[in-house]
C-alpha atoms as a PDB file:
ATOM      1  CA  UNK A   1     -16.280  -2.814 -58.556  1.00  0.00           C
ATOM      2  CA  UNK A   2     -18.714  -5.472 -57.362  1.00  0.00           C
ATOM      3  CA  UNK A   3     -19.830  -8.270 -59.637  1.00  0.00           C
ATOM      4  CA  UNK A   4     -23.327  -8.113 -61.091  1.00  0.00           C
ATOM      5  CA  UNK A   5     -25.690 -10.971 -60.257  1.00  0.00           C
ATOM      6  CA  UNK A   6     -25.182 -13.876 -62.624  1.00  0.00           C
ATOM      7  CA  UNK A   7     -27.648 -15.012 -65.240  1.00  0.00           C
ATOM      8  CA  UNK A   8     -29.676 -18.195 -64.982  1.00  0.00           C
ATOM      9  CA  UNK A   9     -29.629 -19.969 -68.340  1.00  0.00           C
ATOM     10  CA  UNK A  10     -32.237 -22.633 -69.096  1.00  0.00           C
ATOM     11  CA  UNK A  11     -31.367 -25.146 -71.790  1.00  0.00           C
ATOM     12  CA  UNK A  12     -33.163 -28.312 -72.841  1.00  0.00           C
ATOM     13  CA  UNK A  13     -35.236 -29.967 -75.493  1.00  0.00           C
ATOM     14  CA  UNK A  14     -38.484 -28.369 -76.674  1.00  0.00           C
ATOM     15  CA  UNK A  15     -41.368 -29.008 -74.297  1.00  0.00           C
ATOM     16  CA  UNK A  16     -39.202 -29.435 -71.203  1.00  0.00           C
ATOM     17  CA  UNK A  17     -40.612 -26.234 -69.676  1.00  0.00           C
ATOM     18  CA  UNK A  18     -37.892 -23.650 -70.310  1.00  0.00           C
ATOM     19  CA  UNK A  19     -40.216 -20.716 -71.045  1.00  0.00           C
ATOM     20  CA  UNK A  20     -42.699 -21.561 -68.278  1.00  0.00           C
ATOM     21  CA  UNK A  21     -39.960 -22.122 -65.687  1.00  0.00           C
ATOM     22  CA  UNK A  22     -38.154 -18.929 -66.743  1.00  0.00           C
ATOM     23  CA  UNK A  23     -41.352 -16.965 -66.052  1.00  0.00           C
ATOM     24  CA  UNK A  24     -41.672 -18.608 -62.609  1.00  0.00           C
ATOM     25  CA  UNK A  25     -38.008 -17.797 -61.862  1.00  0.00           C
ATOM     26  CA  UNK A  26     -38.513 -14.197 -62.992  1.00  0.00           C
ATOM     27  CA  UNK A  27     -41.496 -13.879 -60.643  1.00  0.00           C
ATOM     28  CA  UNK A  28     -39.469 -15.292 -57.723  1.00  0.00           C
ATOM     29  CA  UNK A  29     -36.270 -13.301 -58.299  1.00  0.00           C
ATOM     30  CA  UNK A  30     -37.490 -10.136 -59.994  1.00  0.00           C
ATOM     31  CA  UNK A  31     -35.112 -10.710 -62.924  1.00  0.00           C
ATOM     32  CA  UNK A  32     -36.305 -10.202 -66.485  1.00  0.00           C
ATOM     33  CA  UNK A  33     -37.138 -13.375 -68.420  1.00  0.00           C
ATOM     34  CA  UNK A  34     -35.582 -13.392 -71.878  1.00  0.00           C
ATOM     35  CA  UNK A  35     -36.717 -15.980 -74.408  1.00  0.00           C
ATOM     36  CA  UNK A  36     -34.051 -16.289 -77.109  1.00  0.00           C
ATOM     37  CA  UNK A  37     -36.576 -17.601 -79.655  1.00  0.00           C
ATOM     38  CA  UNK A  38     -38.796 -14.538 -79.137  1.00  0.00           C
ATOM     39  CA  UNK A  39     -35.769 -12.255 -79.553  1.00  0.00           C
ATOM     40  CA  UNK A  40     -34.822 -14.090 -82.767  1.00  0.00           C
ATOM     41  CA  UNK A  41     -38.351 -13.652 -84.133  1.00  0.00           C
ATOM     42  CA  UNK A  42     -38.257  -9.935 -83.262  1.00  0.00           C
ATOM     43  CA  UNK A  43     -34.871  -9.508 -84.953  1.00  0.00           C
ATOM     44  CA  UNK A  44     -35.953 -11.418 -88.079  1.00  0.00           C
ATOM     45  CA  UNK A  45     -39.419  -9.916 -88.280  1.00  0.00           C
ATOM     46  CA  UNK A  46     -40.841 -13.388 -88.859  1.00  0.00           C
ATOM     47  CA  UNK A  47     -41.694 -16.524 -86.901  1.00  0.00           C
ATOM     48  CA  UNK A  48     -39.222 -19.350 -86.405  1.00  0.00           C
ATOM     49  CA  UNK A  49     -41.192 -21.704 -88.702  1.00  0.00           C
ATOM     50  CA  UNK A  50     -41.080 -18.987 -91.370  1.00  0.00           C
ATOM     51  CA  UNK A  51     -37.317 -18.573 -90.915  1.00  0.00           C
ATOM     52  CA  UNK A  52     -36.803 -22.337 -91.275  1.00  0.00           C
ATOM     53  CA  UNK A  53     -39.126 -22.557 -94.293  1.00  0.00           C
ATOM     54  CA  UNK A  54     -37.900 -19.495 -96.182  1.00  0.00           C
ATOM     55  CA  UNK A  55     -34.238 -19.298 -95.232  1.00  0.00           C
ATOM     56  CA  UNK A  56     -33.315 -22.623 -93.620  1.00  0.00           C
ATOM     57  CA  UNK A  57     -31.802 -23.712 -90.337  1.00  0.00           C
ATOM     58  CA  UNK A  58     -28.404 -22.110 -91.100  1.00  0.00           C
ATOM     59  CA  UNK A  59     -30.017 -18.655 -91.219  1.00  0.00           C
ATOM     60  CA  UNK A  60     -31.877 -19.378 -87.977  1.00  0.00           C
ATOM     61  CA  UNK A  61     -28.612 -20.438 -86.276  1.00  0.00           C
ATOM     62  CA  UNK A  62     -26.858 -17.258 -87.488  1.00  0.00           C
ATOM     63  CA  UNK A  63     -29.653 -15.153 -85.981  1.00  0.00           C
ATOM     64  CA  UNK A  64     -29.409 -17.220 -82.793  1.00  0.00           C
ATOM     65  CA  UNK A  65     -25.646 -16.508 -82.613  1.00  0.00           C
ATOM     66  CA  UNK A  66     -26.243 -12.758 -82.891  1.00  0.00           C
ATOM     67  CA  UNK A  67     -28.974 -12.777 -80.232  1.00  0.00           C
ATOM     68  CA  UNK A  68     -26.824 -14.855 -77.839  1.00  0.00           C
ATOM     69  CA  UNK A  69     -23.987 -12.323 -78.173  1.00  0.00           C
ATOM     70  CA  UNK A  70     -26.399  -9.467 -77.381  1.00  0.00           C
ATOM     71  CA  UNK A  71     -28.057 -11.171 -74.406  1.00  0.00           C
ATOM     72  CA  UNK A  72     -24.737 -12.369 -72.958  1.00  0.00           C
ATOM     73  CA  UNK A  73     -23.771  -8.744 -72.324  1.00  0.00           C
ATOM     74  CA  UNK A  74     -26.430  -8.495 -69.600  1.00  0.00           C
ATOM     75  CA  UNK A  75     -26.614  -9.839 -66.065  1.00  0.00           C
ATOM     76  CA  UNK A  76     -29.312 -10.789 -63.550  1.00  0.00           C
ATOM     77  CA  UNK A  77     -31.472 -12.288 -66.311  1.00  0.00           C
ATOM     78  CA  UNK A  78     -33.340 -15.538 -66.785  1.00  0.00           C
ATOM     79  CA  UNK A  79     -32.422 -16.705 -70.284  1.00  0.00           C
ATOM     80  CA  UNK A  80     -34.556 -19.379 -71.928  1.00  0.00           C
ATOM     81  CA  UNK A  81     -32.815 -20.988 -74.916  1.00  0.00           C
ATOM     82  CA  UNK A  82     -34.142 -22.854 -77.913  1.00  0.00           C
ATOM     83  CA  UNK A  83     -33.661 -26.609 -77.799  1.00  0.00           C
ATOM     84  CA  UNK A  84     -30.933 -26.672 -80.444  1.00  0.00           C
ATOM     85  CA  UNK A  85     -28.637 -24.153 -78.748  1.00  0.00           C
ATOM     86  CA  UNK A  86     -26.534 -27.067 -77.481  1.00  0.00           C
ATOM     87  CA  UNK A  87     -25.417 -27.744 -81.052  1.00  0.00           C
ATOM     88  CA  UNK A  88     -23.231 -24.618 -80.934  1.00  0.00           C
ATOM     89  CA  UNK A  89     -20.359 -24.993 -78.431  1.00  0.00           C
ATOM     90  CA  UNK A  90     -19.409 -21.311 -78.779  1.00  0.00           C
ATOM     91  CA  UNK A  91     -22.897 -20.175 -77.717  1.00  0.00           C
ATOM     92  CA  UNK A  92     -22.937 -22.656 -74.839  1.00  0.00           C
ATOM     93  CA  UNK A  93     -19.563 -21.427 -73.624  1.00  0.00           C
ATOM     94  CA  UNK A  94     -20.614 -17.785 -73.897  1.00  0.00           C
ATOM     95  CA  UNK A  95     -23.894 -18.342 -72.050  1.00  0.00           C
ATOM     96  CA  UNK A  96     -22.165 -20.487 -69.422  1.00  0.00           C
ATOM     97  CA  UNK A  97     -19.643 -17.706 -68.793  1.00  0.00           C
ATOM     98  CA  UNK A  98     -22.501 -15.334 -67.839  1.00  0.00           C
ATOM     99  CA  UNK A  99     -24.051 -17.499 -65.131  1.00  0.00           C
ATOM    100  CA  UNK A 100     -25.321 -20.958 -64.293  1.00  0.00           C
ATOM    101  CA  UNK A 101     -26.572 -23.329 -66.980  1.00  0.00           C
ATOM    102  CA  UNK A 102     -29.478 -25.620 -66.139  1.00  0.00           C
ATOM    103  CA  UNK A 103     -30.607 -28.400 -68.474  1.00  0.00           C
ATOM    104  CA  UNK A 104     -34.315 -29.109 -68.141  1.00  0.00           C
ATOM    105  CA  UNK A 105     -35.283 -32.678 -69.023  1.00  0.00           C
ATOM    106  CA  UNK A 106     -38.470 -34.668 -69.498  1.00  0.00           C
ATOM    107  CA  UNK A 107     -39.437 -38.030 -70.939  1.00  0.00           C
ATOM    108  CA  UNK A 108     -40.347 -38.200 -74.639  1.00  0.00           C
ATOM    109  CA  UNK A 109     -43.944 -38.941 -73.628  1.00  0.00           C
ATOM    110  CA  UNK A 110     -44.121 -35.837 -71.405  1.00  0.00           C
ATOM    111  CA  UNK A 111     -42.605 -33.727 -74.189  1.00  0.00           C
ATOM    112  CA  UNK A 112     -45.168 -35.015 -76.689  1.00  0.00           C
ATOM    113  CA  UNK A 113     -47.982 -34.304 -74.238  1.00  0.00           C
ATOM    114  CA  UNK A 114     -46.699 -30.742 -73.723  1.00  0.00           C
ATOM    115  CA  UNK A 115     -46.111 -29.858 -77.378  1.00  0.00           C
ATOM    116  CA  UNK A 116     -49.263 -31.661 -78.527  1.00  0.00           C
ATOM    117  CA  UNK A 117     -50.217 -30.689 -82.045  1.00  0.00           C
ATOM    118  CA  UNK A 118     -48.407 -27.336 -81.993  1.00  0.00           C
ATOM    119  CA  UNK A 119     -47.546 -26.324 -85.523  1.00  0.00           C
ATOM    120  CA  UNK A 120     -44.655 -23.998 -84.674  1.00  0.00           C
ATOM    121  CA  UNK A 121     -42.230 -26.905 -84.107  1.00  0.00           C
ATOM    122  CA  UNK A 122     -40.493 -27.299 -87.506  1.00  0.00           C
ATOM    123  CA  UNK A 123     -38.205 -30.084 -86.287  1.00  0.00           C
ATOM    124  CA  UNK A 124     -41.237 -32.219 -85.400  1.00  0.00           C
ATOM    125  CA  UNK A 125     -42.787 -32.081 -88.850  1.00  0.00           C
ATOM    126  CA  UNK A 126     -43.793 -35.516 -90.040  1.00  0.00           C
ATOM    127  CA  UNK A 127     -46.051 -38.396 -89.123  1.00  0.00           C
ATOM    128  CA  UNK A 128     -44.763 -39.916 -85.889  1.00  0.00           C
ATOM    129  CA  UNK A 129     -43.941 -37.076 -83.520  1.00  0.00           C
ATOM    130  CA  UNK A 130     -43.013 -39.359 -80.611  1.00  0.00           C
ATOM    131  CA  UNK A 131     -40.415 -41.175 -82.714  1.00  0.00           C
ATOM    132  CA  UNK A 132     -39.099 -37.821 -83.984  1.00  0.00           C
ATOM    133  CA  UNK A 133     -38.772 -36.591 -80.383  1.00  0.00           C
ATOM    134  CA  UNK A 134     -36.917 -39.753 -79.393  1.00  0.00           C
ATOM    135  CA  UNK A 135     -34.564 -39.468 -82.380  1.00  0.00           C
ATOM    136  CA  UNK A 136     -33.775 -35.797 -81.711  1.00  0.00           C
ATOM    137  CA  UNK A 137     -33.264 -36.437 -77.988  1.00  0.00           C
ATOM    138  CA  UNK A 138     -30.847 -39.235 -78.804  1.00  0.00           C
ATOM    139  CA  UNK A 139     -29.034 -37.039 -81.322  1.00  0.00           C
ATOM    140  CA  UNK A 140     -28.525 -34.344 -78.654  1.00  0.00           C
ATOM    141  CA  UNK A 141     -28.177 -36.600 -75.589  1.00  0.00           C
ATOM    142  CA  UNK A 142     -24.395 -36.175 -75.262  1.00  0.00           C
ATOM    143  CA  UNK A 143     -24.664 -32.395 -75.700  1.00  0.00           C
ATOM    144  CA  UNK A 144     -27.351 -32.027 -73.031  1.00  0.00           C
ATOM    145  CA  UNK A 145     -25.420 -34.350 -70.703  1.00  0.00           C
ATOM    146  CA  UNK A 146     -22.462 -31.928 -70.686  1.00  0.00           C
ATOM    147  CA  UNK A 147     -24.513 -29.501 -68.604  1.00  0.00           C
ATOM    148  CA  UNK A 148     -23.784 -30.195 -64.954  1.00  0.00           C
ATOM    149  CA  UNK A 149     -27.094 -29.004 -63.507  1.00  0.00           C
ATOM    150  CA  UNK A 150     -29.803 -31.395 -64.765  1.00  0.00           C
ATOM    151  CA  UNK A 151     -33.397 -30.690 -63.698  1.00  0.00           C
ATOM    152  CA  UNK A 152     -36.132 -33.275 -64.304  1.00  0.00           C
ATOM    153  CA  UNK A 153     -39.387 -31.427 -65.016  1.00  0.00           C
ATOM    154  CA  UNK A 154     -41.850 -34.342 -65.311  1.00  0.00           C
ATOM    155  CA  UNK A 155     -44.755 -33.961 -62.879  1.00  0.00           C
ATOM    156  CA  UNK A 156     -43.469 -30.764 -61.219  1.00  0.00           C
ATOM    157  CA  UNK A 157     -45.073 -27.327 -61.181  1.00  0.00           C
ATOM    158  CA  UNK A 158     -43.169 -24.352 -62.618  1.00  0.00           C
ATOM    159  CA  UNK A 159     -43.033 -22.842 -59.111  1.00  0.00           C
ATOM    160  CA  UNK A 160     -41.536 -26.019 -57.621  1.00  0.00           C
ATOM    161  CA  UNK A 161     -38.985 -26.115 -60.420  1.00  0.00           C
ATOM    162  CA  UNK A 162     -38.100 -22.452 -59.862  1.00  0.00           C
ATOM    163  CA  UNK A 163     -37.503 -23.139 -56.155  1.00  0.00           C
ATOM    164  CA  UNK A 164     -35.387 -26.194 -57.031  1.00  0.00           C
ATOM    165  CA  UNK A 165     -33.233 -24.144 -59.413  1.00  0.00           C
ATOM    166  CA  UNK A 166     -32.850 -21.274 -56.940  1.00  0.00           C
ATOM    167  CA  UNK A 167     -31.767 -23.814 -54.326  1.00  0.00           C
ATOM    168  CA  UNK A 168     -28.998 -25.019 -56.647  1.00  0.00           C
ATOM    169  CA  UNK A 169     -27.560 -21.586 -57.437  1.00  0.00           C
ATOM    170  CA  UNK A 170     -24.059 -20.906 -56.169  1.00  0.00           C
ATOM    171  CA  UNK A 171     -24.035 -19.003 -52.884  1.00  0.00           C
ATOM    172  CA  UNK A 172     -22.574 -15.530 -52.400  1.00  0.00           C
ATOM    173  CA  UNK A 173     -19.214 -17.081 -51.583  1.00  0.00           C
ATOM    174  CA  UNK A 174     -19.250 -18.836 -54.962  1.00  0.00           C
ATOM    175  CA  UNK A 175     -19.623 -22.374 -53.629  1.00  0.00           C
END
């Protein structure tokens, strides 16, 4: 029995380009792009801000766990994860066992520019979004740093980033 092609798993803070890069990778490789947040919304029948507001972060994380278990059963997929996935070591281990993890990074200023005034970012609620971004990045810094493949997205097109990621994938001999 031959092994199925591995997944490509994109992790990183909000606004680092995970969804956009996953779409560029899908176009290059012909793999389906799966956005975990979209799957969670479909499963819950409500938006992520609604889940946070009505049921809290714990409910969102439970839904995320269930969706990760479902998606991890597949192969040859581009999986785009929500920014907080790194807070759950079990999910990170499961996703990492299905393929290669890539952590997309960007400066706080780039992130703020990309997320702008979007209202579907419950963790950025408050007055000073840049300070909130910095605080959350610092809170998760160690968790993101555990991912070997780090990809800086500042100033790069999604297509260039897709080519960079493809160039870092393990070869057929597993090197």
